């Protein structure tokens, strides 16, 4: 993103950045309520010829589906555990 910022007018860069951020929020990649950006202008000497293409182990949709399934499974287990404790007469505990 930082090299893109150098090549685009500021208003256009902001528009593109905000569009990408909205898409990330809509896709569930970020929560959208707190954003922290850490950037420093650092000159590098890396050659574009030395770049390597990195291919993810799974497609984005497969990855998101797996994460959603894991989250759903954890939530179901937590609900079952809470229900089981209530049936056994355990008082509710509140974590602060």
Protein backbone atom coordinates (compact mmCIF):
# COMPACT_ATOMS: atom_id res chain seq x y z
CA UNK A 1 0.00 0.00 0.00
CA UNK A 2 2.77 2.46 0.79
CA UNK A 3 4.30 2.26 -2.68
CA UNK A 4 0.80 2.65 -4.16
CA UNK A 5 0.38 5.81 -2.11
CA UNK A 6 3.42 7.29 -3.84
CA UNK A 7 1.96 6.72 -7.31
CA UNK A 8 -1.62 7.92 -6.76
CA UNK A 9 -2.99 11.35 -5.91
CA UNK A 10 -3.89 11.51 -2.20
CA UNK A 11 -7.66 11.77 -2.79
CA UNK A 12 -7.65 8.76 -5.13
CA UNK A 13 -5.50 6.71 -2.74
CA UNK A 14 -7.89 7.50 0.13
CA UNK A 15 -10.87 6.46 -2.01
CA UNK A 16 -9.20 3.18 -3.04
CA UNK A 17 -8.06 2.44 0.54
CA UNK A 18 -11.52 3.08 1.98
CA UNK A 19 -13.13 0.92 -0.71
CA UNK A 20 -10.76 -1.97 0.10
CA UNK A 21 -11.41 -1.49 3.83
CA UNK A 22 -15.21 -1.55 3.30
CA UNK A 23 -14.87 -4.79 1.32
CA UNK A 24 -12.74 -6.33 4.09
CA UNK A 25 -15.37 -5.35 6.67
CA UNK A 26 -18.20 -6.73 4.52
CA UNK A 27 -16.25 -9.97 4.07
CA UNK A 28 -15.72 -10.35 7.80
CA UNK A 29 -11.96 -9.95 7.57
CA UNK A 30 -11.93 -6.99 9.97
CA UNK A 31 -14.48 -5.86 12.54
CA UNK A 32 -14.75 -2.30 11.30
CA UNK A 33 -14.99 -0.54 14.64
CA UNK A 34 -11.30 -0.12 15.49
CA UNK A 35 -8.57 0.38 12.94
CA UNK A 36 -4.89 0.77 13.68
CA UNK A 37 -2.42 1.53 10.93
CA UNK A 38 1.29 1.30 11.53
CA UNK A 39 3.47 2.57 8.74
CA UNK A 40 6.89 4.08 8.46
CA UNK A 41 8.52 5.56 5.35
CA UNK A 42 11.50 3.26 4.91
CA UNK A 43 13.58 3.13 1.75
CA UNK A 44 14.32 -0.42 0.70
CA UNK A 45 16.78 -1.90 -1.70
CA UNK A 46 14.81 -5.04 -2.56
CA UNK A 47 14.77 -5.91 -6.22
CA UNK A 48 11.43 -6.73 -7.81
CA UNK A 49 13.29 -9.58 -9.54
CA UNK A 50 13.84 -11.23 -6.14
CA UNK A 51 10.12 -11.35 -5.32
CA UNK A 52 8.49 -14.77 -5.01
CA UNK A 53 4.85 -15.57 -5.57
CA UNK A 54 3.31 -17.07 -2.45
CA UNK A 55 0.24 -19.19 -3.03
CA UNK A 56 -2.10 -19.72 -0.07
CA UNK A 57 -2.70 -23.28 1.06
CA UNK A 58 -6.44 -22.86 0.49
CA UNK A 59 -8.77 -20.57 -1.39
CA UNK A 60 -10.17 -17.58 0.50
CA UNK A 61 -13.75 -18.89 0.56
CA UNK A 62 -12.57 -22.29 1.87
CA UNK A 63 -10.50 -20.56 4.55
CA UNK A 64 -13.40 -18.35 5.65
CA UNK A 65 -15.81 -21.30 5.69
CA UNK A 66 -13.39 -23.29 7.87
CA UNK A 67 -12.97 -20.40 10.31
CA UNK A 68 -16.73 -19.85 10.50
CA UNK A 69 -17.27 -23.57 11.13
CA UNK A 70 -14.64 -23.60 13.90
CA UNK A 71 -16.20 -20.52 15.51
CA UNK A 72 -19.68 -22.06 15.30
CA UNK A 73 -18.39 -25.33 16.81
CA UNK A 74 -16.73 -23.48 19.72
CA UNK A 75 -19.92 -21.53 20.37
CA UNK A 76 -22.02 -24.72 20.36
CA UNK A 77 -19.63 -26.42 22.79
CA UNK A 78 -19.69 -23.40 25.11
CA UNK A 79 -23.50 -23.34 25.01
CA UNK A 80 -23.70 -27.07 25.78
CA UNK A 81 -21.22 -26.70 28.63
CA UNK A 82 -23.25 -23.82 30.12
CA UNK A 83 -26.50 -25.74 29.77
CA UNK A 84 -24.94 -28.82 31.35
CA UNK A 85 -23.68 -26.79 34.31
CA UNK A 86 -27.13 -25.28 34.86
CA UNK A 87 -28.73 -28.75 34.81
CA UNK A 88 -26.23 -29.93 37.40
CA UNK A 89 -27.13 -27.02 39.69
CA UNK A 90 -23.96 -25.02 39.17
CA UNK A 91 -24.48 -21.30 39.65
CA UNK A 92 -23.77 -18.97 36.79
CA UNK A 93 -20.31 -17.48 36.84
CA UNK A 94 -19.60 -14.02 35.58
CA UNK A 95 -16.20 -13.16 34.19
CA UNK A 96 -15.04 -9.59 34.59
